């Protein structure tokens, strides 16, 4: 990897730090109104800017190009733009928070971005698996579906048993989104394992960390009822979007892959 590739993530990590520290200071000072307003603004702006950066890096190449790595990063970038829209839509939906309608609608506005990420990651995984013959495609896809589904189902069931006062509709509305995120996370883990000793390890690992933060945000909503529109949820989202921007920058910095 060139020096450009090695250090291309630093500006993004600095941005993530500059977002994290002021918001934590606002929280420690008890400036909750300003904290909520700042996080509500930063989350969509961060997602949108990172998406534009990704499209600038990779969008100039056609999606029709037979390069699954390029396509995955394009889908990451387009997904970021859609997540920016969903963050804005979530702000308008906040007035309905607490209603059953809110959980379904907010899940739906998050779904398009997640679908793009899933298409990009799955396409690259299938391409890599076909080229390297890591595992049977049927068994691989089956495992990717079964593992997050079983995990989310078990944890969601336990959460309903531990807190029977929770609305089961809320859990049922958010569980599919958590399962989808888990599916993409598992796929990234497989890709990371395949390229664990190569140049691709850094961008794939950063993309995986992105999914971890987004999964924590949604899982907290699904399992314990912690709203993704809370400042902490918005902060997790903003930091995740910056990490994905860093992943895309690291991918662009690789000279040969």
C-alpha atoms as a PDB file:
ATOM      1  CA  UNK A   1       0.000   0.000   0.000  1.00  0.00           C
ATOM      2  CA  UNK A   2       1.327   3.466  -0.880  1.00  0.00           C
ATOM      3  CA  UNK A   3       1.909   6.186   1.699  1.00  0.00           C
ATOM      4  CA  UNK A   4      -1.217   7.832   0.355  1.00  0.00           C
ATOM      5  CA  UNK A   5      -3.198   4.707   1.072  1.00  0.00           C
ATOM      6  CA  UNK A   6      -1.600   4.207   4.470  1.00  0.00           C
ATOM      7  CA  UNK A   7      -2.504   7.668   5.727  1.00  0.00           C
ATOM      8  CA  UNK A   8      -5.681   8.342   3.741  1.00  0.00           C
ATOM      9  CA  UNK A   9      -7.888   7.443   6.699  1.00  0.00           C
ATOM     10  CA  UNK A  10      -6.335   9.965   9.097  1.00  0.00           C
ATOM     11  CA  UNK A  11      -8.455  13.001   8.045  1.00  0.00           C
ATOM     12  CA  UNK A  12     -11.626  10.950   8.508  1.00  0.00           C
ATOM     13  CA  UNK A  13     -10.577   9.706  11.929  1.00  0.00           C
ATOM     14  CA  UNK A  14      -9.785  13.303  12.920  1.00  0.00           C
ATOM     15  CA  UNK A  15     -13.279  14.325  11.797  1.00  0.00           C
ATOM     16  CA  UNK A  16     -14.759  11.538  13.900  1.00  0.00           C
ATOM     17  CA  UNK A  17     -12.775  12.765  16.913  1.00  0.00           C
ATOM     18  CA  UNK A  18     -13.889  16.362  16.314  1.00  0.00           C
ATOM     19  CA  UNK A  19     -17.508  15.206  16.280  1.00  0.00           C
ATOM     20  CA  UNK A  20     -17.194  12.994  19.348  1.00  0.00           C
ATOM     21  CA  UNK A  21     -15.426  15.364  21.750  1.00  0.00           C
ATOM     22  CA  UNK A  22     -17.734  18.424  21.507  1.00  0.00           C
ATOM     23  CA  UNK A  23     -20.849  16.259  21.837  1.00  0.00           C
ATOM     24  CA  UNK A  24     -19.418  14.528  24.896  1.00  0.00           C
ATOM     25  CA  UNK A  25     -18.586  17.930  26.378  1.00  0.00           C
ATOM     26  CA  UNK A  26     -22.153  19.132  25.795  1.00  0.00           C
ATOM     27  CA  UNK A  27     -23.421  15.990  27.538  1.00  0.00           C
ATOM     28  CA  UNK A  28     -21.076  16.476  30.510  1.00  0.00           C
ATOM     29  CA  UNK A  29     -22.151  20.112  30.819  1.00  0.00           C
ATOM     30  CA  UNK A  30     -25.811  19.151  30.815  1.00  0.00           C
ATOM     31  CA  UNK A  31     -26.570  21.089  27.620  1.00  0.00           C
ATOM     32  CA  UNK A  32     -29.085  18.468  26.517  1.00  0.00           C
ATOM     33  CA  UNK A  33     -31.099  20.680  24.170  1.00  0.00           C
ATOM     34  CA  UNK A  34     -27.997  21.812  22.304  1.00  0.00           C
ATOM     35  CA  UNK A  35     -26.688  18.235  22.332  1.00  0.00           C
ATOM     36  CA  UNK A  36     -29.885  16.920  20.759  1.00  0.00           C
ATOM     37  CA  UNK A  37     -29.930  19.661  18.123  1.00  0.00           C
ATOM     38  CA  UNK A  38     -26.245  19.211  17.262  1.00  0.00           C
ATOM     39  CA  UNK A  39     -26.473  15.440  16.959  1.00  0.00           C
ATOM     40  CA  UNK A  40     -29.632  15.690  14.839  1.00  0.00           C
ATOM     41  CA  UNK A  41     -27.798  17.985  12.416  1.00  0.00           C
ATOM     42  CA  UNK A  42     -24.440  16.206  12.371  1.00  0.00           C
ATOM     43  CA  UNK A  43     -25.762  12.696  11.663  1.00  0.00           C
ATOM     44  CA  UNK A  44     -27.367  13.427   8.256  1.00  0.00           C
ATOM     45  CA  UNK A  45     -24.675  15.908   7.218  1.00  0.00           C
ATOM     46  CA  UNK A  46     -21.927  13.407   7.996  1.00  0.00           C
ATOM     47  CA  UNK A  47     -23.665  10.615   6.087  1.00  0.00           C
ATOM     48  CA  UNK A  48     -24.295  12.866   3.083  1.00  0.00           C
ATOM     49  CA  UNK A  49     -20.729  14.226   2.923  1.00  0.00           C
ATOM     50  CA  UNK A  50     -19.172  10.786   3.306  1.00  0.00           C
ATOM     51  CA  UNK A  51     -21.465   9.536   0.543  1.00  0.00           C
ATOM     52  CA  UNK A  52     -20.365  12.358  -1.760  1.00  0.00           C
ATOM     53  CA  UNK A  53     -16.720  11.618  -1.012  1.00  0.00           C
ATOM     54  CA  UNK A  54     -17.263   7.969  -1.857  1.00  0.00           C
ATOM     55  CA  UNK A  55     -19.028   8.794  -5.104  1.00  0.00           C
ATOM     56  CA  UNK A  56     -16.197  11.159  -6.008  1.00  0.00           C
ATOM     57  CA  UNK A  57     -13.659   8.393  -5.389  1.00  0.00           C
ATOM     58  CA  UNK A  58     -15.503   5.501  -7.019  1.00  0.00           C
ATOM     59  CA  UNK A  59     -18.617   6.857  -8.738  1.00  0.00           C
ATOM     60  CA  UNK A  60     -16.725   7.984 -11.787  1.00  0.00           C
ATOM     61  CA  UNK A  61     -16.279   4.328 -12.638  1.00  0.00           C
ATOM     62  CA  UNK A  62     -19.354   2.739 -14.161  1.00  0.00           C
ATOM     63  CA  UNK A  63     -21.402   0.341 -12.055  1.00  0.00           C
ATOM     64  CA  UNK A  64     -21.354  -1.883 -15.113  1.00  0.00           C
ATOM     65  CA  UNK A  65     -17.587  -2.276 -14.761  1.00  0.00           C
ATOM     66  CA  UNK A  66     -16.677  -5.847 -13.872  1.00  0.00           C
ATOM     67  CA  UNK A  67     -14.990  -4.856 -10.631  1.00  0.00           C
ATOM     68  CA  UNK A  68     -16.956  -6.010  -7.601  1.00  0.00           C
ATOM     69  CA  UNK A  69     -14.683  -4.129  -5.204  1.00  0.00           C
ATOM     70  CA  UNK A  70     -15.386  -0.885  -7.042  1.00  0.00           C
ATOM     71  CA  UNK A  71     -19.093  -1.673  -7.082  1.00  0.00           C
ATOM     72  CA  UNK A  72     -19.148  -2.436  -3.366  1.00  0.00           C
ATOM     73  CA  UNK A  73     -17.700   0.984  -2.574  1.00  0.00           C
ATOM     74  CA  UNK A  74     -20.167   2.668  -4.923  1.00  0.00           C
ATOM     75  CA  UNK A  75     -23.027   0.917  -3.117  1.00  0.00           C
ATOM     76  CA  UNK A  76     -21.524   1.943   0.232  1.00  0.00           C
ATOM     77  CA  UNK A  77     -21.502   5.556  -0.984  1.00  0.00           C
ATOM     78  CA  UNK A  78     -25.051   5.485  -2.365  1.00  0.00           C
ATOM     79  CA  UNK A  79     -26.202   3.839   0.854  1.00  0.00           C
ATOM     80  CA  UNK A  80     -24.672   6.685   2.855  1.00  0.00           C
ATOM     81  CA  UNK A  81     -26.673   9.206   0.841  1.00  0.00           C
ATOM     82  CA  UNK A  82     -29.856   7.248   1.544  1.00  0.00           C
ATOM     83  CA  UNK A  83     -28.980   7.021   5.240  1.00  0.00           C
ATOM     84  CA  UNK A  84     -28.604  10.814   5.237  1.00  0.00           C
ATOM     85  CA  UNK A  85     -32.140  11.081   3.865  1.00  0.00           C
ATOM     86  CA  UNK A  86     -33.389   8.582   6.440  1.00  0.00           C
ATOM     87  CA  UNK A  87     -31.793  10.604   9.252  1.00  0.00           C
ATOM     88  CA  UNK A  88     -33.648  13.705   8.093  1.00  0.00           C
ATOM     89  CA  UNK A  89     -36.872  11.738   7.694  1.00  0.00           C
ATOM     90  CA  UNK A  90     -36.353  10.302  11.175  1.00  0.00           C
ATOM     91  CA  UNK A  91     -36.270  13.818  12.582  1.00  0.00           C
ATOM     92  CA  UNK A  92     -39.686  14.559  11.089  1.00  0.00           C
ATOM     93  CA  UNK A  93     -40.987  11.209  12.318  1.00  0.00           C
ATOM     94  CA  UNK A  94     -39.805  11.977  15.825  1.00  0.00           C
ATOM     95  CA  UNK A  95     -43.146  13.612  16.611  1.00  0.00           C
ATOM     96  CA  UNK A  96     -44.783  10.182  16.248  1.00  0.00           C
ATOM     97  CA  UNK A  97     -42.198   8.436  18.424  1.00  0.00           C
ATOM     98  CA  UNK A  98     -43.817   6.070  20.875  1.00  0.00           C
ATOM     99  CA  UNK A  99     -46.505   5.040  18.427  1.00  0.00           C
ATOM    100  CA  UNK A 100     -46.473   1.689  16.649  1.00  0.00           C
ATOM    101  CA  UNK A 101     -46.496   3.525  13.325  1.00  0.00           C
ATOM    102  CA  UNK A 102     -43.161   5.183  14.134  1.00  0.00           C
ATOM    103  CA  UNK A 103     -41.272   1.896  14.439  1.00  0.00           C
ATOM    104  CA  UNK A 104     -42.488   0.560  11.108  1.00  0.00           C
ATOM    105  CA  UNK A 105     -41.910   3.803   9.201  1.00  0.00           C
ATOM    106  CA  UNK A 106     -38.475   4.498  10.657  1.00  0.00           C
ATOM    107  CA  UNK A 107     -37.418   0.941   9.858  1.00  0.00           C
ATOM    108  CA  UNK A 108     -38.646   1.399   6.299  1.00  0.00           C
ATOM    109  CA  UNK A 109     -36.735   4.654   5.729  1.00  0.00           C
ATOM    110  CA  UNK A 110     -33.533   2.957   6.945  1.00  0.00           C
ATOM    111  CA  UNK A 111     -34.067  -0.114   4.755  1.00  0.00           C
ATOM    112  CA  UNK A 112     -33.009   1.250   1.309  1.00  0.00           C
ATOM    113  CA  UNK A 113     -29.542   2.248   2.534  1.00  0.00           C
ATOM    114  CA  UNK A 114     -29.080  -1.109   4.211  1.00  0.00           C
ATOM    115  CA  UNK A 115     -30.195  -2.925   1.064  1.00  0.00           C
ATOM    116  CA  UNK A 116     -27.566  -1.122  -1.011  1.00  0.00           C
ATOM    117  CA  UNK A 117     -24.865  -2.058   1.493  1.00  0.00           C
ATOM    118  CA  UNK A 118     -26.058  -5.661   1.452  1.00  0.00           C
ATOM    119  CA  UNK A 119     -26.049  -5.806  -2.371  1.00  0.00           C
ATOM    120  CA  UNK A 120     -22.525  -4.414  -2.538  1.00  0.00           C
ATOM    121  CA  UNK A 121     -21.070  -6.648   0.170  1.00  0.00           C
ATOM    122  CA  UNK A 122     -22.825  -9.810  -1.025  1.00  0.00           C
ATOM    123  CA  UNK A 123     -21.755  -9.177  -4.618  1.00  0.00           C
ATOM    124  CA  UNK A 124     -18.130  -8.840  -3.603  1.00  0.00           C
ATOM    125  CA  UNK A 125     -18.308 -11.863  -1.310  1.00  0.00           C
ATOM    126  CA  UNK A 126     -19.751 -14.050  -4.062  1.00  0.00           C
ATOM    127  CA  UNK A 127     -17.135 -12.828  -6.533  1.00  0.00           C
ATOM    128  CA  UNK A 128     -14.296 -13.501  -4.078  1.00  0.00           C
ATOM    129  CA  UNK A 129     -15.678 -16.895  -3.106  1.00  0.00           C
ATOM    130  CA  UNK A 130     -16.097 -17.910  -6.747  1.00  0.00           C
ATOM    131  CA  UNK A 131     -12.527 -16.888  -7.553  1.00  0.00           C
ATOM    132  CA  UNK A 132     -10.918 -18.456  -4.486  1.00  0.00           C
ATOM    133  CA  UNK A 133     -13.291 -21.349  -3.781  1.00  0.00           C
ATOM    134  CA  UNK A 134     -13.424 -20.693  -0.041  1.00  0.00           C
ATOM    135  CA  UNK A 135     -16.714 -22.490   0.621  1.00  0.00           C
ATOM    136  CA  UNK A 136     -19.852 -23.812  -1.011  1.00  0.00           C
ATOM    137  CA  UNK A 137     -21.970 -20.821  -1.974  1.00  0.00           C
ATOM    138  CA  UNK A 138     -25.189 -22.461  -0.736  1.00  0.00           C
ATOM    139  CA  UNK A 139     -23.702 -23.270   2.664  1.00  0.00           C
ATOM    140  CA  UNK A 140     -22.083 -19.847   2.914  1.00  0.00           C
ATOM    141  CA  UNK A 141     -25.261 -17.882   2.170  1.00  0.00           C
ATOM    142  CA  UNK A 142     -27.275 -20.207   4.415  1.00  0.00           C
ATOM    143  CA  UNK A 143     -24.895 -19.596   7.309  1.00  0.00           C
ATOM    144  CA  UNK A 144     -24.994 -15.836   6.761  1.00  0.00           C
ATOM    145  CA  UNK A 145     -28.783 -15.912   7.017  1.00  0.00           C
ATOM    146  CA  UNK A 146     -29.123 -18.402   9.865  1.00  0.00           C
ATOM    147  CA  UNK A 147     -26.548 -16.946  12.280  1.00  0.00           C
ATOM    148  CA  UNK A 148     -27.951 -13.379  12.597  1.00  0.00           C
ATOM    149  CA  UNK A 149     -31.555 -14.629  12.446  1.00  0.00           C
ATOM    150  CA  UNK A 150     -31.047 -17.054  15.329  1.00  0.00           C
ATOM    151  CA  UNK A 151     -29.065 -14.500  17.341  1.00  0.00           C
ATOM    152  CA  UNK A 152     -31.607 -11.684  16.957  1.00  0.00           C
ATOM    153  CA  UNK A 153     -34.554 -14.027  17.560  1.00  0.00           C
ATOM    154  CA  UNK A 154     -33.061 -15.419  20.763  1.00  0.00           C
ATOM    155  CA  UNK A 155     -32.009 -12.047  22.174  1.00  0.00           C
ATOM    156  CA  UNK A 156     -35.329 -10.414  21.222  1.00  0.00           C
ATOM    157  CA  UNK A 157     -37.248 -13.252  22.888  1.00  0.00           C
ATOM    158  CA  UNK A 158     -35.146 -12.901  26.038  1.00  0.00           C
ATOM    159  CA  UNK A 159     -35.720  -9.146  26.095  1.00  0.00           C
ATOM    160  CA  UNK A 160     -39.491  -9.669  25.919  1.00  0.00           C
ATOM    161  CA  UNK A 161     -39.340 -12.219  28.737  1.00  0.00           C
ATOM    162  CA  UNK A 162     -37.190 -10.001  30.929  1.00  0.00           C
ATOM    163  CA  UNK A 163     -39.278  -6.896  30.227  1.00  0.00           C
ATOM    164  CA  UNK A 164     -42.822  -8.142  29.536  1.00  0.00           C
ATOM    165  CA  UNK A 165     -44.113  -4.558  29.630  1.00  0.00           C
ATOM    166  CA  UNK A 166     -42.343  -3.845  26.326  1.00  0.00           C
ATOM    167  CA  UNK A 167     -44.542  -3.571  23.259  1.00  0.00           C
ATOM    168  CA  UNK A 168     -43.911  -6.703  21.126  1.00  0.00           C
ATOM    169  CA  UNK A 169     -44.905  -4.771  18.001  1.00  0.00           C
ATOM    170  CA  UNK A 170     -41.871  -2.548  18.522  1.00  0.00           C
ATOM    171  CA  UNK A 171     -39.586  -5.571  18.671  1.00  0.00           C
ATOM    172  CA  UNK A 172     -41.181  -7.206  15.627  1.00  0.00           C
ATOM    173  CA  UNK A 173     -40.834  -3.982  13.654  1.00  0.00           C
ATOM    174  CA  UNK A 174     -37.157  -3.503  14.418  1.00  0.00           C
ATOM    175  CA  UNK A 175     -35.924  -7.120  14.468  1.00  0.00           C
ATOM    176  CA  UNK A 176     -35.789  -7.493  10.625  1.00  0.00           C
ATOM    177  CA  UNK A 177     -33.529  -4.446  10.400  1.00  0.00           C
ATOM    178  CA  UNK A 178     -31.233  -5.920  13.068  1.00  0.00           C
ATOM    179  CA  UNK A 179     -31.187  -9.250  11.201  1.00  0.00           C
ATOM    180  CA  UNK A 180     -30.307  -7.493   7.955  1.00  0.00           C
ATOM    181  CA  UNK A 181     -27.456  -5.627   9.611  1.00  0.00           C
ATOM    182  CA  UNK A 182     -26.247  -8.874  11.160  1.00  0.00           C
ATOM    183  CA  UNK A 183     -26.301 -10.518   7.719  1.00  0.00           C
ATOM    184  CA  UNK A 184     -24.078  -7.800   6.233  1.00  0.00           C
ATOM    185  CA  UNK A 185     -21.775  -7.913   9.284  1.00  0.00           C
ATOM    186  CA  UNK A 186     -21.315 -11.665   8.928  1.00  0.00           C
ATOM    187  CA  UNK A 187     -20.580 -11.276   5.209  1.00  0.00           C
ATOM    188  CA  UNK A 188     -17.919  -8.666   5.983  1.00  0.00           C
ATOM    189  CA  UNK A 189     -16.382 -10.978   8.572  1.00  0.00           C
ATOM    190  CA  UNK A 190     -16.006 -13.669   5.890  1.00  0.00           C
ATOM    191  CA  UNK A 191     -14.471 -11.175   3.444  1.00  0.00           C
ATOM    192  CA  UNK A 192     -12.123  -9.934   6.165  1.00  0.00           C
ATOM    193  CA  UNK A 193     -11.045 -13.500   6.876  1.00  0.00           C
ATOM    194  CA  UNK A 194     -10.400 -14.163   3.189  1.00  0.00           C
ATOM    195  CA  UNK A 195      -8.204 -11.050   2.825  1.00  0.00           C
ATOM    196  CA  UNK A 196      -6.882 -10.940   6.399  1.00  0.00           C
ATOM    197  CA  UNK A 197      -3.246 -10.781   5.272  1.00  0.00           C
ATOM    198  CA  UNK A 198      -3.708  -8.511   2.261  1.00  0.00           C
ATOM    199  CA  UNK A 199      -4.128  -4.843   1.474  1.00  0.00           C
ATOM    200  CA  UNK A 200      -7.900  -5.095   1.641  1.00  0.00           C
ATOM    201  CA  UNK A 201      -7.917  -5.901   5.363  1.00  0.00           C
ATOM    202  CA  UNK A 202      -7.887  -2.251   6.456  1.00  0.00           C
ATOM    203  CA  UNK A 203     -10.880  -0.954   4.430  1.00  0.00           C
ATOM    204  CA  UNK A 204     -12.896  -4.110   5.100  1.00  0.00           C
ATOM    205  CA  UNK A 205     -12.198  -3.867   8.837  1.00  0.00           C
ATOM    206  CA  UNK A 206     -13.275  -0.209   8.906  1.00  0.00           C
ATOM    207  CA  UNK A 207     -16.464  -1.103   7.036  1.00  0.00           C
ATOM    208  CA  UNK A 208     -17.090  -3.853   9.585  1.00  0.00           C
ATOM    209  CA  UNK A 209     -16.678  -1.357  12.449  1.00  0.00           C
ATOM    210  CA  UNK A 210     -19.247   0.834  10.698  1.00  0.00           C
ATOM    211  CA  UNK A 211     -21.761  -1.993  10.741  1.00  0.00           C
ATOM    212  CA  UNK A 212     -20.965  -2.736  14.388  1.00  0.00           C
ATOM    213  CA  UNK A 213     -21.868   0.826  15.428  1.00  0.00           C
ATOM    214  CA  UNK A 214     -25.032   0.856  13.307  1.00  0.00           C
ATOM    215  CA  UNK A 215     -25.968  -2.566  14.688  1.00  0.00           C
ATOM    216  CA  UNK A 216     -25.496  -1.356  18.273  1.00  0.00           C
ATOM    217  CA  UNK A 217     -27.775   1.580  17.519  1.00  0.00           C
ATOM    218  CA  UNK A 218     -30.530  -0.577  16.057  1.00  0.00           C
ATOM    219  CA  UNK A 219     -30.069  -3.459  18.512  1.00  0.00           C
ATOM    220  CA  UNK A 220     -30.417  -1.067  21.453  1.00  0.00           C
ATOM    221  CA  UNK A 221     -33.721   0.041  19.922  1.00  0.00           C
ATOM    222  CA  UNK A 222     -34.847  -3.508  19.212  1.00  0.00           C
ATOM    223  CA  UNK A 223     -33.805  -5.181  22.464  1.00  0.00           C
ATOM    224  CA  UNK A 224     -34.116  -2.467  25.141  1.00  0.00           C
ATOM    225  CA  UNK A 225     -36.226   0.215  23.508  1.00  0.00           C
ATOM    226  CA  UNK A 226     -33.461   2.856  23.351  1.00  0.00           C
ATOM    227  CA  UNK A 227     -34.525   5.242  20.582  1.00  0.00           C
ATOM    228  CA  UNK A 228     -32.136   5.712  17.635  1.00  0.00           C
ATOM    229  CA  UNK A 229     -33.178   9.368  17.625  1.00  0.00           C
ATOM    230  CA  UNK A 230     -31.648   9.961  21.051  1.00  0.00           C
ATOM    231  CA  UNK A 231     -28.395  11.995  20.931  1.00  0.00           C
ATOM    232  CA  UNK A 232     -26.355   8.871  21.727  1.00  0.00           C
ATOM    233  CA  UNK A 233     -28.025   7.031  18.845  1.00  0.00           C
ATOM    234  CA  UNK A 234     -27.381   9.926  16.472  1.00  0.00           C
ATOM    235  CA  UNK A 235     -23.763  10.093  17.669  1.00  0.00           C
ATOM    236  CA  UNK A 236     -23.284   6.377  16.964  1.00  0.00           C
ATOM    237  CA  UNK A 237     -24.692   6.957  13.500  1.00  0.00           C
ATOM    238  CA  UNK A 238     -22.393   9.920  12.780  1.00  0.00           C
ATOM    239  CA  UNK A 239     -19.305   8.031  13.958  1.00  0.00           C
ATOM    240  CA  UNK A 240     -20.318   5.016  11.866  1.00  0.00           C
ATOM    241  CA  UNK A 241     -20.710   7.142   8.742  1.00  0.00           C
ATOM    242  CA  UNK A 242     -17.257   8.682   9.269  1.00  0.00           C
ATOM    243  CA  UNK A 243     -15.748   5.212   9.665  1.00  0.00           C
ATOM    244  CA  UNK A 244     -17.318   4.125   6.397  1.00  0.00           C
ATOM    245  CA  UNK A 245     -15.894   7.237   4.760  1.00  0.00           C
ATOM    246  CA  UNK A 246     -12.489   6.211   6.116  1.00  0.00           C
ATOM    247  CA  UNK A 247     -13.029   2.713   4.711  1.00  0.00           C
ATOM    248  CA  UNK A 248     -13.796   4.118   1.273  1.00  0.00           C
ATOM    249  CA  UNK A 249     -10.731   6.394   1.434  1.00  0.00           C
ATOM    250  CA  UNK A 250      -8.532   3.446   2.438  1.00  0.00           C
ATOM    251  CA  UNK A 251      -9.969   1.432  -0.461  1.00  0.00           C
ATOM    252  CA  UNK A 252      -9.161   4.255  -2.875  1.00  0.00           C
ATOM    253  CA  UNK A 253      -5.627   4.455  -1.510  1.00  0.00           C
ATOM    254  CA  UNK A 254      -4.879   0.881  -2.498  1.00  0.00           C
ATOM    255  CA  UNK A 255      -2.938   0.947  -5.735  1.00  0.00           C
ATOM    256  CA  UNK A 256      -3.531  -2.683  -6.730  1.00  0.00           C
ATOM    257  CA  UNK A 257      -6.306  -4.957  -5.484  1.00  0.00           C
END
